[in-house]
Protein backbone atom coordinates (compact mmCIF):
# COMPACT_ATOMS: atom_id res chain seq x y z
CA MET A 1 87.38 101.21 -170.97
CA ASN A 2 88.18 97.54 -170.81
CA ASP A 3 91.52 98.21 -172.54
CA VAL A 4 92.37 100.78 -169.88
CA VAL A 5 91.52 98.34 -167.07
CA LYS A 6 93.54 95.58 -168.73
CA SER A 7 96.47 97.98 -169.13
CA MET A 8 96.26 98.94 -165.46
CA ASP A 9 96.17 95.29 -164.41
CA VAL A 10 99.27 94.57 -166.49
CA ASN A 11 101.07 97.54 -164.94
CA VAL A 12 100.11 96.39 -161.45
CA TRP A 13 101.40 92.89 -162.13
CA TRP A 14 104.63 94.22 -163.62
CA SER A 15 105.06 96.52 -160.62
CA LEU A 16 104.45 93.57 -158.32
CA PHE A 17 106.96 91.43 -160.18
CA ILE A 18 109.52 94.24 -160.08
CA LEU A 19 108.98 94.74 -156.32
CA ILE A 20 109.30 91.00 -155.71
CA GLY A 21 112.42 90.94 -157.85
CA LEU A 22 113.97 93.89 -156.05
CA TYR A 23 113.14 92.36 -152.66
CA GLY A 24 114.64 89.07 -153.77
CA VAL A 25 117.82 90.78 -154.96
CA LYS A 26 117.97 92.72 -151.68
CA GLU A 27 117.63 89.52 -149.66
CA ILE A 28 120.25 87.75 -151.74
CA VAL A 29 122.69 90.66 -151.26
CA ARG A 30 121.89 90.76 -147.53
CA TYR A 31 122.45 87.01 -147.28
CA ILE A 32 125.78 87.26 -149.09
CA LEU A 33 126.93 90.16 -146.88
CA ASP A 34 125.78 88.39 -143.71
CA ALA A 35 127.53 85.21 -144.83
CA ARG A 36 130.76 87.09 -145.50
CA LYS A 37 130.49 88.85 -142.17
CA SER A 38 129.83 85.56 -140.41
CA ILE A 39 132.79 83.90 -142.13
CA LYS A 40 135.00 86.87 -141.26
CA ASN A 41 133.89 86.72 -137.61
CA ILE A 42 134.53 82.97 -137.50
CA GLU A 43 137.99 83.40 -139.04
CA SER A 44 138.76 86.26 -136.67
CA GLU A 45 137.60 84.23 -133.69
CA MET A 46 139.64 81.22 -134.84
CA GLN A 47 142.71 83.42 -135.24
CA TYR A 48 142.14 84.92 -131.82
CA LYS A 49 141.72 81.51 -130.21
CA TYR A 50 144.88 80.31 -131.95
CA ALA A 51 146.78 83.39 -130.76
CA GLU A 52 145.38 82.89 -127.27
CA LYS A 53 146.42 79.23 -127.25
CA LEU A 54 149.87 80.15 -128.52
CA LEU A 55 150.14 82.81 -125.84
CA ASP A 56 149.16 80.26 -123.18
CA GLN A 57 152.16 78.21 -124.30
CA LYS A 58 154.49 81.20 -124.32
CA ILE A 59 153.61 82.67 -120.92
CA PRO A 60 155.22 79.88 -118.82
CA ILE A 61 158.35 80.07 -120.98
CA TYR A 62 158.85 83.78 -120.33
CA VAL A 63 157.88 83.52 -116.66
CA GLU A 64 160.16 80.57 -115.90
CA HIS A 65 163.12 82.00 -117.83
CA TYR A 66 162.76 85.36 -116.09
CA SER A 67 162.19 83.81 -112.67
CA TYR A 68 165.13 81.38 -112.82
CA LEU A 69 167.50 84.08 -114.07
CA LYS A 70 166.30 86.53 -111.43
CA LYS A 71 166.94 83.91 -108.74
CA ALA A 72 170.37 83.13 -110.20
CA ILE A 73 171.38 86.79 -110.01
CA GLY A 74 169.99 87.06 -106.50
CA ILE A 75 172.13 84.12 -105.40
CA TYR A 76 175.18 85.60 -107.12
CA GLN A 77 174.66 88.95 -105.39
CA HIS A 78 174.34 87.18 -102.05
CA ILE A 79 177.66 85.42 -102.64
CA ALA A 80 179.38 88.64 -103.73
CA ASN A 81 177.97 90.89 -101.01
CA TYR A 82 177.36 88.62 -98.04
CA TYR A 83 180.15 86.05 -98.27
CA GLN A 84 180.90 86.52 -94.56
CA GLU A 85 177.55 84.82 -93.89
CA PHE A 86 179.18 81.56 -94.97
CA GLU A 87 180.95 81.45 -91.64
CA LYS A 88 177.60 80.73 -89.98
CA TRP A 89 175.76 77.49 -89.43
CA ASN A 90 173.42 76.44 -92.26
CA ASP A 91 170.91 73.68 -91.45
CA ALA A 92 170.35 72.70 -95.09
CA VAL A 93 174.09 72.40 -95.79
CA TYR A 94 174.67 70.46 -92.59
CA SER A 95 171.90 68.04 -93.52
CA ASN A 96 173.48 67.42 -96.92
CA ILE A 97 176.87 66.84 -95.34
CA VAL A 98 175.73 64.26 -92.81
CA ASN A 99 173.72 62.41 -95.47
CA ASP A 100 176.78 62.10 -97.71
CA LYS A 101 178.14 58.59 -97.24
CA GLN A 102 181.63 59.38 -98.56
CA TYR A 103 183.07 60.13 -95.09
CA ALA A 104 182.16 59.11 -91.57
CA ILE A 105 179.34 61.21 -90.13
CA GLU A 106 181.29 61.90 -86.95
CA ASP A 107 184.21 63.43 -88.86
CA LYS A 108 182.00 65.65 -90.99
CA ASP A 109 179.86 66.69 -88.04
CA GLU A 110 182.89 67.72 -86.02
CA ALA A 111 184.52 69.53 -88.92
CA TYR A 112 181.38 71.53 -89.77
CA ARG A 113 180.84 72.47 -86.14
CA ASN A 114 184.39 73.36 -85.18
CA ILE A 115 186.47 74.22 -88.27
CA LEU A 116 185.65 77.64 -89.72
CA GLY A 117 187.41 76.93 -93.03
CA TYR A 118 185.51 73.69 -93.58
CA ARG A 119 182.13 75.24 -92.72
CA PHE A 120 182.78 78.29 -94.90
CA CYS A 121 183.80 76.22 -97.92
CA GLU A 122 180.83 73.88 -97.63
CA ASN A 123 178.40 76.81 -97.41
CA LEU A 124 180.06 78.59 -100.33
CA SER A 125 180.01 75.44 -102.45
CA ASN A 126 176.30 75.01 -101.75
CA TYR A 127 175.51 78.55 -102.95
CA ILE A 128 177.62 78.20 -106.08
CA ALA A 129 175.73 74.98 -106.90
CA LYS A 130 172.42 76.84 -106.48
CA PHE A 131 173.64 79.64 -108.73
CA GLU A 132 174.63 77.18 -111.43
CA ASP A 133 171.35 75.27 -111.11
CA MET A 134 169.23 78.42 -111.62
CA LYS A 135 171.41 79.48 -114.54
CA ILE A 136 171.00 76.08 -116.26
CA LYS A 137 167.23 76.05 -115.75
CA SER A 138 166.93 79.58 -117.08
CA ILE A 139 168.77 78.94 -120.33
CA ASN A 140 167.18 75.50 -120.81
CA VAL A 141 163.68 77.02 -120.78
CA PHE A 142 164.54 79.13 -123.82
CA SER A 143 166.71 76.49 -125.52
CA LEU A 144 163.94 73.88 -125.42
CA ASN A 145 161.28 76.32 -126.62
CA GLN A 146 163.05 78.35 -129.30
CA LEU A 147 160.10 77.87 -131.68
CA PHE A 148 158.00 80.24 -129.55
CA ILE A 149 160.61 82.92 -128.79
CA ASP A 150 161.90 85.76 -130.95
CA GLU A 151 165.32 84.91 -132.41
CA ASN A 152 166.79 88.24 -131.29
CA LEU A 153 165.85 87.52 -127.69
CA ILE A 154 167.26 84.00 -127.95
CA SER A 155 170.55 85.48 -129.18
CA LYS A 156 170.66 87.94 -126.27
CA SER A 157 169.91 85.17 -123.78
CA LEU A 158 172.88 83.17 -125.08
CA THR A 159 175.14 86.22 -124.68
CA ILE A 160 173.97 86.66 -121.08
CA ASN A 161 174.46 82.95 -120.44
CA THR A 162 178.07 83.20 -121.63
CA LYS A 163 178.71 86.08 -119.22
CA ILE A 164 177.14 84.10 -116.38
CA ASP A 165 179.43 81.16 -117.21
CA LYS A 166 182.44 83.45 -116.81
CA LYS A 167 181.22 84.63 -113.41
CA LEU A 168 180.59 81.03 -112.42
CA GLU A 169 184.15 80.15 -113.39
CA GLU A 170 185.43 83.03 -111.25
CA LEU A 171 183.48 81.78 -108.24
CA VAL A 172 184.70 78.22 -108.70
CA ALA A 173 188.31 79.48 -108.93
CA ILE A 174 187.83 81.44 -105.69
CA GLU A 175 186.27 78.39 -104.05
CA LEU A 176 189.22 76.19 -105.03
CA ASN A 177 191.75 78.75 -103.73
CA ILE A 178 189.92 79.07 -100.43
CA GLU A 179 189.56 75.31 -100.00
CA LYS A 180 193.34 74.96 -100.15
CA GLN A 181 193.60 77.25 -97.13
CA ARG A 182 190.73 75.95 -95.00
CA ASN A 183 193.05 74.38 -92.43
CA LEU A 184 194.49 77.78 -91.49
CA SER A 185 193.62 79.27 -88.14
CA ASP A 186 190.27 81.08 -88.04
CA GLU A 187 191.95 84.48 -88.09
CA GLU A 188 194.29 83.63 -90.99
CA PHE A 189 191.52 81.98 -92.96
CA THR A 190 189.20 84.99 -92.55
CA ILE A 191 191.89 87.37 -93.81
CA TYR A 192 192.55 85.11 -96.80
CA TYR A 193 188.95 84.63 -97.98
CA LYS A 194 188.16 88.33 -97.63
CA LYS A 195 191.06 89.18 -99.94
CA GLN A 196 189.76 86.66 -102.47
CA PHE A 197 186.27 88.14 -102.57
CA LEU A 198 187.50 91.73 -102.67
CA MET A 199 188.92 90.93 -106.11
CA LEU A 200 185.44 90.01 -107.39
CA LYS A 201 184.08 92.71 -109.74
CA TYR A 202 180.40 92.31 -110.47
CA GLN A 203 178.45 95.58 -110.58
CA ASP A 204 178.58 96.02 -114.39
CA PHE A 205 177.62 92.37 -114.82
CA ILE A 206 174.57 92.71 -112.57
CA GLU A 207 173.43 95.84 -114.39
CA GLU A 208 173.76 94.12 -117.76
CA VAL A 209 171.69 91.15 -116.63
CA GLU A 210 169.05 93.47 -115.15
CA ARG A 211 168.82 95.31 -118.49
CA TYR A 212 168.34 92.00 -120.24
CA LEU A 213 165.61 91.02 -117.77
CA GLU A 214 163.87 94.30 -118.55
CA GLU A 215 163.99 93.40 -122.26
CA VAL A 216 162.41 90.04 -121.46
CA LYS A 217 159.58 91.85 -119.67
CA ILE A 218 159.04 94.24 -122.58
CA GLU A 219 158.99 91.38 -125.08
CA PHE A 220 156.49 89.53 -122.93
CA TYR A 221 154.21 92.57 -122.67
CA ASN A 222 154.38 93.01 -126.44
CA GLU A 223 153.35 89.39 -126.88
CA TYR A 224 150.54 89.73 -124.39
CA ASN A 225 149.10 92.86 -126.08
CA ILE A 226 149.23 91.49 -129.60
CA GLU A 227 147.40 93.48 -132.29
CA LEU A 228 145.12 90.58 -133.14
CA GLN A 229 143.64 90.59 -129.66
CA ASN A 230 142.93 94.31 -129.81
CA ASP A 231 141.28 93.99 -133.24
CA TYR A 232 139.16 91.12 -132.02
CA VAL A 233 137.92 93.06 -128.98
CA LYS A 234 137.15 96.16 -131.10
CA GLY A 235 135.33 94.05 -133.69
CA ASN A 236 133.14 92.45 -131.05
CA LYS A 237 132.25 95.86 -129.63
CA ARG A 238 131.11 97.05 -133.07
CA VAL A 239 128.98 93.95 -133.54
């Protein structure tokens, strides 16, 4: 009888040891899995934060490039379509003229007020300068931040910039031709500048730039909806 009791005690102790061992193994496995999961979550969160930080740096680049180029094309379209507006008084241009110390204020004031050719050329020159300024700012944004922008888009931006340079050269040539004739009578001058602008072909150019701007938008949206962000959000939902 005692042997049976001793045998039962041994079996109980062995069973207890086995249970403790199994529980210990289970806890060790759980700890390892939890640790791996924790490390994976930390790495995923670090990657997400890095991608988010990188995106924060990219957003202004895309926005400024797009905005400057859009403004440049808007100014160009205004010059091409509404050049007759340059006959009118422009307060900003007049202010620049009178603050220029190269000539006597009285002479410039009288010329801008009374000579159509002078007023037209000054207004046109002002708009061409604005067009060039927006174009330079647009391309500089990408040129100074090439590390963050896809090489294919950089290449396309340079192609567009070259085409803009050609249109800028055309406008400057028109401006120089018109300036030579600004002492004509108002009627003769009007006939002359209208002929100059009628030779300006721009529709295909505008459409090409607009297509490029659409590509910039698409590239930006692709950057904004990066796969890593989606994976991170889905992973957090599962947790």
